[in-house]
C-alpha atoms as a PDB file:
ATOM      1  CA  UNK A   1      35.594  50.219   1.727  1.00  0.00           C
ATOM      2  CA  UNK A   2      32.376  51.286   3.461  1.00  0.00           C
ATOM      3  CA  UNK A   3      30.595  48.639   5.476  1.00  0.00           C
ATOM      4  CA  UNK A   4      26.888  48.842   4.546  1.00  0.00           C
ATOM      5  CA  UNK A   5      25.823  45.834   6.601  1.00  0.00           C
ATOM      6  CA  UNK A   6      23.120  46.435   9.187  1.00  0.00           C
ATOM      7  CA  UNK A   7      20.612  44.391  11.191  1.00  0.00           C
ATOM      8  CA  UNK A   8      16.948  44.927  10.285  1.00  0.00           C
ATOM      9  CA  UNK A   9      13.909  43.129  11.736  1.00  0.00           C
ATOM     10  CA  UNK A  10      10.922  42.694   9.416  1.00  0.00           C
ATOM     11  CA  UNK A  11       7.755  40.650   9.393  1.00  0.00           C
ATOM     12  CA  UNK A  12       7.987  37.391   7.491  1.00  0.00           C
ATOM     13  CA  UNK A  13       5.095  38.408   5.250  1.00  0.00           C
ATOM     14  CA  UNK A  14       7.100  41.402   4.053  1.00  0.00           C
ATOM     15  CA  UNK A  15      10.149  39.439   2.921  1.00  0.00           C
ATOM     16  CA  UNK A  16       8.549  36.311   1.459  1.00  0.00           C
ATOM     17  CA  UNK A  17       8.673  35.447  -2.235  1.00  0.00           C
ATOM     18  CA  UNK A  18      11.464  37.930  -2.844  1.00  0.00           C
ATOM     19  CA  UNK A  19       9.166  40.938  -2.687  1.00  0.00           C
ATOM     20  CA  UNK A  20      10.667  44.354  -3.360  1.00  0.00           C
ATOM     21  CA  UNK A  21      10.540  46.976  -0.647  1.00  0.00           C
ATOM     22  CA  UNK A  22      10.932  50.725  -1.086  1.00  0.00           C
ATOM     23  CA  UNK A  23      12.689  52.782   1.578  1.00  0.00           C
ATOM     24  CA  UNK A  24      11.293  56.328   1.354  1.00  0.00           C
ATOM     25  CA  UNK A  25      12.003  59.501   3.331  1.00  0.00           C
ATOM     26  CA  UNK A  26       8.931  61.429   4.454  1.00  0.00           C
ATOM     27  CA  UNK A  27       8.133  64.160   6.954  1.00  0.00           C
ATOM     28  CA  UNK A  28       7.222  62.828  10.370  1.00  0.00           C
ATOM     29  CA  UNK A  29       3.772  64.158  11.372  1.00  0.00           C
ATOM     30  CA  UNK A  30       4.787  64.812  14.971  1.00  0.00           C
ATOM     31  CA  UNK A  31       8.270  66.295  14.616  1.00  0.00           C
ATOM     32  CA  UNK A  32       8.212  67.589  10.997  1.00  0.00           C
ATOM     33  CA  UNK A  33      11.661  66.029  10.614  1.00  0.00           C
ATOM     34  CA  UNK A  34      12.883  63.528   8.040  1.00  0.00           C
ATOM     35  CA  UNK A  35      11.954  59.934   8.848  1.00  0.00           C
ATOM     36  CA  UNK A  36      12.266  56.640   7.007  1.00  0.00           C
ATOM     37  CA  UNK A  37       9.287  54.526   5.975  1.00  0.00           C
ATOM     38  CA  UNK A  38       9.013  51.232   4.115  1.00  0.00           C
ATOM     39  CA  UNK A  39       6.467  50.554   1.373  1.00  0.00           C
ATOM     40  CA  UNK A  40       5.673  47.185  -0.185  1.00  0.00           C
ATOM     41  CA  UNK A  41       3.917  46.339  -3.449  1.00  0.00           C
ATOM     42  CA  UNK A  42       0.556  46.177  -1.660  1.00  0.00           C
ATOM     43  CA  UNK A  43       1.039  49.845  -0.704  1.00  0.00           C
ATOM     44  CA  UNK A  44       1.314  48.990   2.958  1.00  0.00           C
ATOM     45  CA  UNK A  45       3.533  51.269   5.022  1.00  0.00           C
ATOM     46  CA  UNK A  46       5.664  50.800   8.108  1.00  0.00           C
ATOM     47  CA  UNK A  47       7.761  53.252  10.088  1.00  0.00           C
ATOM     48  CA  UNK A  48      11.463  52.502  10.528  1.00  0.00           C
ATOM     49  CA  UNK A  49      12.524  52.643  14.168  1.00  0.00           C
ATOM     50  CA  UNK A  50      16.127  52.641  15.387  1.00  0.00           C
ATOM     51  CA  UNK A  51      17.444  51.269  18.633  1.00  0.00           C
ATOM     52  CA  UNK A  52      21.049  52.197  19.187  1.00  0.00           C
ATOM     53  CA  UNK A  53      23.553  52.588  21.984  1.00  0.00           C
ATOM     54  CA  UNK A  54      27.103  53.932  21.821  1.00  0.00           C
ATOM     55  CA  UNK A  55      30.127  51.663  21.424  1.00  0.00           C
ATOM     56  CA  UNK A  56      28.218  48.684  20.097  1.00  0.00           C
ATOM     57  CA  UNK A  57      28.859  46.367  17.129  1.00  0.00           C
ATOM     58  CA  UNK A  58      27.411  43.200  15.584  1.00  0.00           C
ATOM     59  CA  UNK A  59      29.198  39.890  15.061  1.00  0.00           C
ATOM     60  CA  UNK A  60      27.794  38.484  11.800  1.00  0.00           C
ATOM     61  CA  UNK A  61      29.238  35.136  10.720  1.00  0.00           C
ATOM     62  CA  UNK A  62      33.012  35.681  10.579  1.00  0.00           C
ATOM     63  CA  UNK A  63      32.939  39.476  10.424  1.00  0.00           C
ATOM     64  CA  UNK A  64      32.309  42.420  12.715  1.00  0.00           C
ATOM     65  CA  UNK A  65      29.901  45.181  11.683  1.00  0.00           C
ATOM     66  CA  UNK A  66      30.668  48.562  13.185  1.00  0.00           C
ATOM     67  CA  UNK A  67      27.046  49.704  12.916  1.00  0.00           C
ATOM     68  CA  UNK A  68      25.615  48.313  16.148  1.00  0.00           C
ATOM     69  CA  UNK A  69      22.143  49.788  15.669  1.00  0.00           C
ATOM     70  CA  UNK A  70      19.050  47.593  15.524  1.00  0.00           C
ATOM     71  CA  UNK A  71      16.490  48.631  12.902  1.00  0.00           C
ATOM     72  CA  UNK A  72      12.899  47.442  12.994  1.00  0.00           C
ATOM     73  CA  UNK A  73       9.696  48.458  11.278  1.00  0.00           C
ATOM     74  CA  UNK A  74       6.297  49.011  12.875  1.00  0.00           C
ATOM     75  CA  UNK A  75       2.922  49.516  11.141  1.00  0.00           C
ATOM     76  CA  UNK A  76       1.619  53.065  10.996  1.00  0.00           C
ATOM     77  CA  UNK A  77      -1.715  54.418   9.827  1.00  0.00           C
ATOM     78  CA  UNK A  78      -0.939  56.431   6.645  1.00  0.00           C
ATOM     79  CA  UNK A  79      -3.672  58.859   7.636  1.00  0.00           C
ATOM     80  CA  UNK A  80      -1.314  60.241  10.287  1.00  0.00           C
ATOM     81  CA  UNK A  81       1.115  61.239   7.512  1.00  0.00           C
ATOM     82  CA  UNK A  82      -1.565  62.894   5.378  1.00  0.00           C
ATOM     83  CA  UNK A  83      -3.257  64.689   8.278  1.00  0.00           C
ATOM     84  CA  UNK A  84      -0.768  67.629   8.512  1.00  0.00           C
ATOM     85  CA  UNK A  85      -1.300  68.444   4.825  1.00  0.00           C
ATOM     86  CA  UNK A  86      -5.079  68.355   5.227  1.00  0.00           C
ATOM     87  CA  UNK A  87      -4.867  70.661   8.237  1.00  0.00           C
ATOM     88  CA  UNK A  88      -2.623  73.125   6.430  1.00  0.00           C
ATOM     89  CA  UNK A  89      -4.373  73.308   3.058  1.00  0.00           C
ATOM     90  CA  UNK A  90      -7.943  72.148   3.610  1.00  0.00           C
ATOM     91  CA  UNK A  91      -9.059  73.742   6.877  1.00  0.00           C
ATOM     92  CA  UNK A  92     -10.877  76.704   5.266  1.00  0.00           C
ATOM     93  CA  UNK A  93     -11.870  75.342   1.874  1.00  0.00           C
ATOM     94  CA  UNK A  94     -11.970  72.076  -0.047  1.00  0.00           C
ATOM     95  CA  UNK A  95      -9.062  71.261  -2.362  1.00  0.00           C
ATOM     96  CA  UNK A  96      -8.259  68.385  -4.715  1.00  0.00           C
ATOM     97  CA  UNK A  97      -6.311  65.752  -2.841  1.00  0.00           C
ATOM     98  CA  UNK A  98      -3.647  65.518  -5.551  1.00  0.00           C
ATOM     99  CA  UNK A  99      -2.832  69.197  -5.021  1.00  0.00           C
ATOM    100  CA  UNK A 100      -2.876  68.988  -1.253  1.00  0.00           C
ATOM    101  CA  UNK A 101      -0.552  66.030  -0.744  1.00  0.00           C
ATOM    102  CA  UNK A 102       2.444  67.688  -2.392  1.00  0.00           C
ATOM    103  CA  UNK A 103       5.826  68.504  -0.891  1.00  0.00           C
ATOM    104  CA  UNK A 104       8.884  69.675  -2.817  1.00  0.00           C
ATOM    105  CA  UNK A 105      11.179  68.522  -0.012  1.00  0.00           C
ATOM    106  CA  UNK A 106       9.562  65.064   0.018  1.00  0.00           C
ATOM    107  CA  UNK A 107       8.545  64.300  -3.591  1.00  0.00           C
ATOM    108  CA  UNK A 108       7.578  60.710  -2.744  1.00  0.00           C
ATOM    109  CA  UNK A 109       4.694  61.976  -0.600  1.00  0.00           C
ATOM    110  CA  UNK A 110       2.220  61.190  -3.401  1.00  0.00           C
ATOM    111  CA  UNK A 111       2.856  57.511  -2.664  1.00  0.00           C
ATOM    112  CA  UNK A 112       0.583  57.974   0.355  1.00  0.00           C
ATOM    113  CA  UNK A 113      -2.414  58.535  -1.906  1.00  0.00           C
ATOM    114  CA  UNK A 114      -2.228  54.853  -2.853  1.00  0.00           C
ATOM    115  CA  UNK A 115      -2.136  53.828   0.809  1.00  0.00           C
ATOM    116  CA  UNK A 116      -5.269  55.678   1.956  1.00  0.00           C
ATOM    117  CA  UNK A 117      -8.724  54.702   0.757  1.00  0.00           C
ATOM    118  CA  UNK A 118     -11.653  57.098   0.408  1.00  0.00           C
ATOM    119  CA  UNK A 119     -13.213  55.514   3.477  1.00  0.00           C
ATOM    120  CA  UNK A 120     -10.125  56.304   5.524  1.00  0.00           C
ATOM    121  CA  UNK A 121     -10.004  59.909   4.325  1.00  0.00           C
ATOM    122  CA  UNK A 122     -13.673  60.375   5.233  1.00  0.00           C
ATOM    123  CA  UNK A 123     -12.735  59.723   8.892  1.00  0.00           C
ATOM    124  CA  UNK A 124     -10.998  63.121   9.122  1.00  0.00           C
ATOM    125  CA  UNK A 125     -12.362  65.105   6.154  1.00  0.00           C
ATOM    126  CA  UNK A 126     -15.503  65.770   4.148  1.00  0.00           C
ATOM    127  CA  UNK A 127     -15.588  65.055   0.456  1.00  0.00           C
ATOM    128  CA  UNK A 128     -16.773  67.946  -1.685  1.00  0.00           C
ATOM    129  CA  UNK A 129     -17.749  68.278  -5.331  1.00  0.00           C
ATOM    130  CA  UNK A 130     -17.779  65.603  -7.989  1.00  0.00           C
ATOM    131  CA  UNK A 131     -16.001  62.282  -7.794  1.00  0.00           C
ATOM    132  CA  UNK A 132     -13.607  63.336 -10.547  1.00  0.00           C
ATOM    133  CA  UNK A 133     -12.581  66.447  -8.588  1.00  0.00           C
ATOM    134  CA  UNK A 134     -11.677  64.332  -5.520  1.00  0.00           C
ATOM    135  CA  UNK A 135     -11.693  67.386  -3.233  1.00  0.00           C
ATOM    136  CA  UNK A 136     -11.694  67.229   0.565  1.00  0.00           C
ATOM    137  CA  UNK A 137     -12.121  69.657   3.438  1.00  0.00           C
ATOM    138  CA  UNK A 138     -10.616  68.972   6.844  1.00  0.00           C
ATOM    139  CA  UNK A 139     -13.194  68.254   9.554  1.00  0.00           C
ATOM    140  CA  UNK A 140     -11.897  68.920  13.061  1.00  0.00           C
ATOM    141  CA  UNK A 141     -14.760  67.141  14.843  1.00  0.00           C
ATOM    142  CA  UNK A 142     -14.318  64.003  12.756  1.00  0.00           C
ATOM    143  CA  UNK A 143     -10.578  64.080  13.337  1.00  0.00           C
ATOM    144  CA  UNK A 144     -10.982  64.330  17.116  1.00  0.00           C
ATOM    145  CA  UNK A 145     -13.347  61.350  17.122  1.00  0.00           C
ATOM    146  CA  UNK A 146     -10.873  59.360  15.043  1.00  0.00           C
ATOM    147  CA  UNK A 147      -7.997  60.261  17.361  1.00  0.00           C
ATOM    148  CA  UNK A 148     -10.112  59.365  20.399  1.00  0.00           C
ATOM    149  CA  UNK A 149     -10.652  55.894  18.953  1.00  0.00           C
ATOM    150  CA  UNK A 150      -6.902  55.603  18.475  1.00  0.00           C
ATOM    151  CA  UNK A 151      -6.352  56.493  22.137  1.00  0.00           C
ATOM    152  CA  UNK A 152      -8.929  53.899  23.213  1.00  0.00           C
ATOM    153  CA  UNK A 153      -7.203  51.240  21.111  1.00  0.00           C
ATOM    154  CA  UNK A 154      -3.862  52.018  22.777  1.00  0.00           C
ATOM    155  CA  UNK A 155      -5.533  51.824  26.209  1.00  0.00           C
ATOM    156  CA  UNK A 156      -6.881  48.351  25.409  1.00  0.00           C
ATOM    157  CA  UNK A 157      -3.444  47.175  24.289  1.00  0.00           C
ATOM    158  CA  UNK A 158      -1.790  48.528  27.447  1.00  0.00           C
ATOM    159  CA  UNK A 159      -4.368  46.762  29.604  1.00  0.00           C
ATOM    160  CA  UNK A 160      -4.084  43.496  27.695  1.00  0.00           C
ATOM    161  CA  UNK A 161      -0.309  43.573  28.189  1.00  0.00           C
ATOM    162  CA  UNK A 162      -0.869  44.385  31.891  1.00  0.00           C
ATOM    163  CA  UNK A 163       1.620  47.230  31.691  1.00  0.00           C
ATOM    164  CA  UNK A 164       1.872  49.458  34.739  1.00  0.00           C
ATOM    165  CA  UNK A 165       1.904  53.055  33.486  1.00  0.00           C
ATOM    166  CA  UNK A 166       1.292  54.896  36.750  1.00  0.00           C
ATOM    167  CA  UNK A 167       3.880  56.544  38.955  1.00  0.00           C
ATOM    168  CA  UNK A 168       5.658  54.359  41.480  1.00  0.00           C
ATOM    169  CA  UNK A 169       6.054  50.597  41.777  1.00  0.00           C
ATOM    170  CA  UNK A 170       3.234  48.227  42.593  1.00  0.00           C
ATOM    171  CA  UNK A 171       3.155  44.653  43.842  1.00  0.00           C
ATOM    172  CA  UNK A 172       1.521  41.931  41.766  1.00  0.00           C
ATOM    173  CA  UNK A 173      -0.430  40.777  44.847  1.00  0.00           C
ATOM    174  CA  UNK A 174      -1.675  44.290  45.631  1.00  0.00           C
ATOM    175  CA  UNK A 175      -5.486  44.463  45.830  1.00  0.00           C
ATOM    176  CA  UNK A 176      -6.746  47.625  44.192  1.00  0.00           C
ATOM    177  CA  UNK A 177      -9.544  49.699  45.646  1.00  0.00           C
ATOM    178  CA  UNK A 178     -12.159  51.515  43.573  1.00  0.00           C
ATOM    179  CA  UNK A 179     -10.130  54.712  43.875  1.00  0.00           C
ATOM    180  CA  UNK A 180      -7.009  52.904  42.647  1.00  0.00           C
ATOM    181  CA  UNK A 181      -8.924  51.482  39.675  1.00  0.00           C
ATOM    182  CA  UNK A 182     -10.206  54.958  38.791  1.00  0.00           C
ATOM    183  CA  UNK A 183      -6.677  56.383  39.022  1.00  0.00           C
ATOM    184  CA  UNK A 184      -5.369  53.532  36.866  1.00  0.00           C
ATOM    185  CA  UNK A 185      -7.936  54.337  34.160  1.00  0.00           C
ATOM    186  CA  UNK A 186      -6.781  57.950  34.135  1.00  0.00           C
ATOM    187  CA  UNK A 187      -3.151  56.829  33.970  1.00  0.00           C
ATOM    188  CA  UNK A 188      -3.878  54.560  31.003  1.00  0.00           C
ATOM    189  CA  UNK A 189      -5.718  57.322  29.156  1.00  0.00           C
ATOM    190  CA  UNK A 190      -2.981  59.848  29.877  1.00  0.00           C
ATOM    191  CA  UNK A 191      -0.267  57.438  28.751  1.00  0.00           C
ATOM    192  CA  UNK A 192      -2.152  56.490  25.570  1.00  0.00           C
ATOM    193  CA  UNK A 193      -2.766  60.155  24.838  1.00  0.00           C
ATOM    194  CA  UNK A 194       0.983  60.745  25.045  1.00  0.00           C
ATOM    195  CA  UNK A 195       1.692  57.969  22.553  1.00  0.00           C
ATOM    196  CA  UNK A 196      -0.875  59.224  20.019  1.00  0.00           C
ATOM    197  CA  UNK A 197       0.337  62.808  20.474  1.00  0.00           C
ATOM    198  CA  UNK A 198       3.734  61.790  19.132  1.00  0.00           C
ATOM    199  CA  UNK A 199       2.125  61.491  15.678  1.00  0.00           C
ATOM    200  CA  UNK A 200       0.097  64.701  15.547  1.00  0.00           C
ATOM    201  CA  UNK A 201       0.854  68.405  15.672  1.00  0.00           C
ATOM    202  CA  UNK A 202       1.062  70.337  18.934  1.00  0.00           C
ATOM    203  CA  UNK A 203      -2.105  72.244  18.060  1.00  0.00           C
ATOM    204  CA  UNK A 204      -4.050  69.053  17.420  1.00  0.00           C
ATOM    205  CA  UNK A 205      -2.624  67.513  20.586  1.00  0.00           C
ATOM    206  CA  UNK A 206      -4.012  70.372  22.679  1.00  0.00           C
ATOM    207  CA  UNK A 207      -7.442  69.988  21.080  1.00  0.00           C
ATOM    208  CA  UNK A 208      -7.371  66.236  21.679  1.00  0.00           C
ATOM    209  CA  UNK A 209      -6.430  66.762  25.327  1.00  0.00           C
ATOM    210  CA  UNK A 210      -9.463  69.022  25.784  1.00  0.00           C
ATOM    211  CA  UNK A 211     -11.700  66.577  23.910  1.00  0.00           C
ATOM    212  CA  UNK A 212     -10.589  63.708  26.147  1.00  0.00           C
ATOM    213  CA  UNK A 213     -11.191  65.767  29.255  1.00  0.00           C
ATOM    214  CA  UNK A 214      -7.635  65.436  30.526  1.00  0.00           C
ATOM    215  CA  UNK A 215      -7.069  68.089  33.226  1.00  0.00           C
ATOM    216  CA  UNK A 216      -4.073  70.335  32.844  1.00  0.00           C
ATOM    217  CA  UNK A 217      -2.966  69.383  36.362  1.00  0.00           C
ATOM    218  CA  UNK A 218      -2.456  65.763  35.254  1.00  0.00           C
ATOM    219  CA  UNK A 219      -0.066  66.865  32.537  1.00  0.00           C
ATOM    220  CA  UNK A 220       1.645  69.320  34.862  1.00  0.00           C
ATOM    221  CA  UNK A 221       2.018  66.715  37.619  1.00  0.00           C
ATOM    222  CA  UNK A 222       3.523  64.313  35.115  1.00  0.00           C
ATOM    223  CA  UNK A 223       5.972  67.020  34.007  1.00  0.00           C
ATOM    224  CA  UNK A 224       6.821  67.914  37.607  1.00  0.00           C
ATOM    225  CA  UNK A 225       7.534  64.284  38.476  1.00  0.00           C
ATOM    226  CA  UNK A 226       9.835  64.016  35.482  1.00  0.00           C
ATOM    227  CA  UNK A 227      11.575  67.310  36.301  1.00  0.00           C
ATOM    228  CA  UNK A 228      11.868  66.423  40.004  1.00  0.00           C
ATOM    229  CA  UNK A 229      13.399  63.095  39.126  1.00  0.00           C
ATOM    230  CA  UNK A 230      15.951  64.723  36.845  1.00  0.00           C
ATOM    231  CA  UNK A 231      16.741  67.410  39.428  1.00  0.00           C
ATOM    232  CA  UNK A 232      17.258  64.830  42.179  1.00  0.00           C
ATOM    233  CA  UNK A 233      19.636  62.895  39.947  1.00  0.00           C
ATOM    234  CA  UNK A 234      21.503  66.072  39.004  1.00  0.00           C
ATOM    235  CA  UNK A 235      21.709  67.146  42.653  1.00  0.00           C
ATOM    236  CA  UNK A 236      23.069  63.768  43.629  1.00  0.00           C
ATOM    237  CA  UNK A 237      25.723  63.959  40.921  1.00  0.00           C
ATOM    238  CA  UNK A 238      26.652  67.528  41.874  1.00  0.00           C
ATOM    239  CA  UNK A 239      26.869  66.652  45.565  1.00  0.00           C
ATOM    240  CA  UNK A 240      29.048  63.639  44.854  1.00  0.00           C
ATOM    241  CA  UNK A 241      31.340  65.741  42.665  1.00  0.00           C
ATOM    242  CA  UNK A 242      31.510  68.496  45.264  1.00  0.00           C
ATOM    243  CA  UNK A 243      32.481  65.996  47.947  1.00  0.00           C
ATOM    244  CA  UNK A 244      35.134  64.575  45.644  1.00  0.00           C
ATOM    245  CA  UNK A 245      36.626  68.051  45.191  1.00  0.00           C
ATOM    246  CA  UNK A 246      36.378  68.673  48.888  1.00  0.00           C
ATOM    247  CA  UNK A 247      38.378  65.532  49.591  1.00  0.00           C
ATOM    248  CA  UNK A 248      41.114  66.806  47.277  1.00  0.00           C
ATOM    249  CA  UNK A 249      41.569  70.101  49.082  1.00  0.00           C
ATOM    250  CA  UNK A 250      40.643  69.389  52.705  1.00  0.00           C
ATOM    251  CA  UNK A 251      43.006  66.934  54.345  1.00  0.00           C
ATOM    252  CA  UNK A 252      42.830  66.012  58.033  1.00  0.00           C
ATOM    253  CA  UNK A 253      45.447  67.931  60.025  1.00  0.00           C
ATOM    254  CA  UNK A 254      47.094  66.193  62.956  1.00  0.00           C
ATOM    255  CA  UNK A 255      47.572  68.494  65.934  1.00  0.00           C
ATOM    256  CA  UNK A 256      50.571  67.373  67.953  1.00  0.00           C
ATOM    257  CA  UNK A 257      50.407  68.017  71.667  1.00  0.00           C
ATOM    258  CA  UNK A 258      53.508  69.682  73.218  1.00  0.00           C
ATOM    259  CA  UNK A 259      55.801  67.062  74.679  1.00  0.00           C
ATOM    260  CA  UNK A 260      56.126  67.287  78.439  1.00  0.00           C
ATOM    261  CA  UNK A 261      59.748  66.489  79.542  1.00  0.00           C
ATOM    262  CA  UNK A 262      60.222  63.790  82.113  1.00  0.00           C
ATOM    263  CA  UNK A 263      61.963  64.337  85.493  1.00  0.00           C
ATOM    264  CA  UNK A 264      65.185  62.765  84.188  1.00  0.00           C
ATOM    265  CA  UNK A 265      65.212  65.039  81.154  1.00  0.00           C
ATOM    266  CA  UNK A 266      64.681  68.070  83.419  1.00  0.00           C
ATOM    267  CA  UNK A 267      67.678  67.015  85.576  1.00  0.00           C
ATOM    268  CA  UNK A 268      69.890  66.666  82.489  1.00  0.00           C
ATOM    269  CA  UNK A 269      68.815  70.083  81.366  1.00  0.00           C
ATOM    270  CA  UNK A 270      69.798  71.711  84.661  1.00  0.00           C
ATOM    271  CA  UNK A 271      73.169  69.924  84.656  1.00  0.00           C
ATOM    272  CA  UNK A 272      73.934  71.083  81.130  1.00  0.00           C
ATOM    273  CA  UNK A 273      73.139  74.727  81.830  1.00  0.00           C
ATOM    274  CA  UNK A 274      76.222  76.974  81.665  1.00  0.00           C
ATOM    275  CA  UNK A 275      78.425  74.481  79.787  1.00  0.00           C
ATOM    276  CA  UNK A 276      79.822  75.104  76.329  1.00  0.00           C
ATOM    277  CA  UNK A 277      79.141  73.063  73.266  1.00  0.00           C
ATOM    278  CA  UNK A 278      82.071  70.978  72.058  1.00  0.00           C
ATOM    279  CA  UNK A 279      81.937  72.725  68.704  1.00  0.00           C
ATOM    280  CA  UNK A 280      82.953  76.007  70.384  1.00  0.00           C
ATOM    281  CA  UNK A 281      86.517  74.663  70.848  1.00  0.00           C
ATOM    282  CA  UNK A 282      86.985  74.312  67.106  1.00  0.00           C
ATOM    283  CA  UNK A 283      87.117  77.796  65.577  1.00  0.00           C
ATOM    284  CA  UNK A 284      88.630  79.030  62.352  1.00  0.00           C
ATOM    285  CA  UNK A 285      91.947  80.866  62.873  1.00  0.00           C
END
């Protein structure tokens, strides 16, 4: 018996009226690895996210489910999933969309064509030829503008949620100066850029960074802070372990001082000098 029970969080609108949902495996645009996505009858798509920790289970009614993961779905713009195919096949010349969005490893990729409208495709590509041909050519400038809008949307969400994305803690009663506000804007943009970059290729991420005017030092400083934090943690662990080993091998040694005999003990010693031990009278014959 294989327990197939799992906990999945979905929007109410996606599970009302007994609607059928399709769980499809597609290539993730940022990692190029297999990822799960959910499609409904309205050709809307959501990405399946997994939150899991080791040694965790669910108590459901009167049973225990060994799979302690929590699955939830989040909306994703289908244009992110089509973008890698446009970059690969339509950068130099226009090609029919039906021939571009093809993948032998992920045959269900053509489902995305029903999720993207012509207006959406025109945000990152130029339409060429007749309407029946349905050919597109990737437009880098359009794509960068579209990605910039995505970054700005993420920045607005972060600000509306009042999330602190900078380095270090900050008090709620802290009054920010103009310099602090300027730094906060850069932190928001850098953080939003990182989120959007998770859904695009490394090449496109570098072009977007240049388009946004993000200095290389900001990215390097962010990397250094992360590396320094990890190194400090590792050093602390190593030091603690080394001290533990040191405690095992180095034990405090008590140095005993030579005992100085008292005057009475010295007198007994002089009196006993020259006398025989009682055991000397008992010898084997």
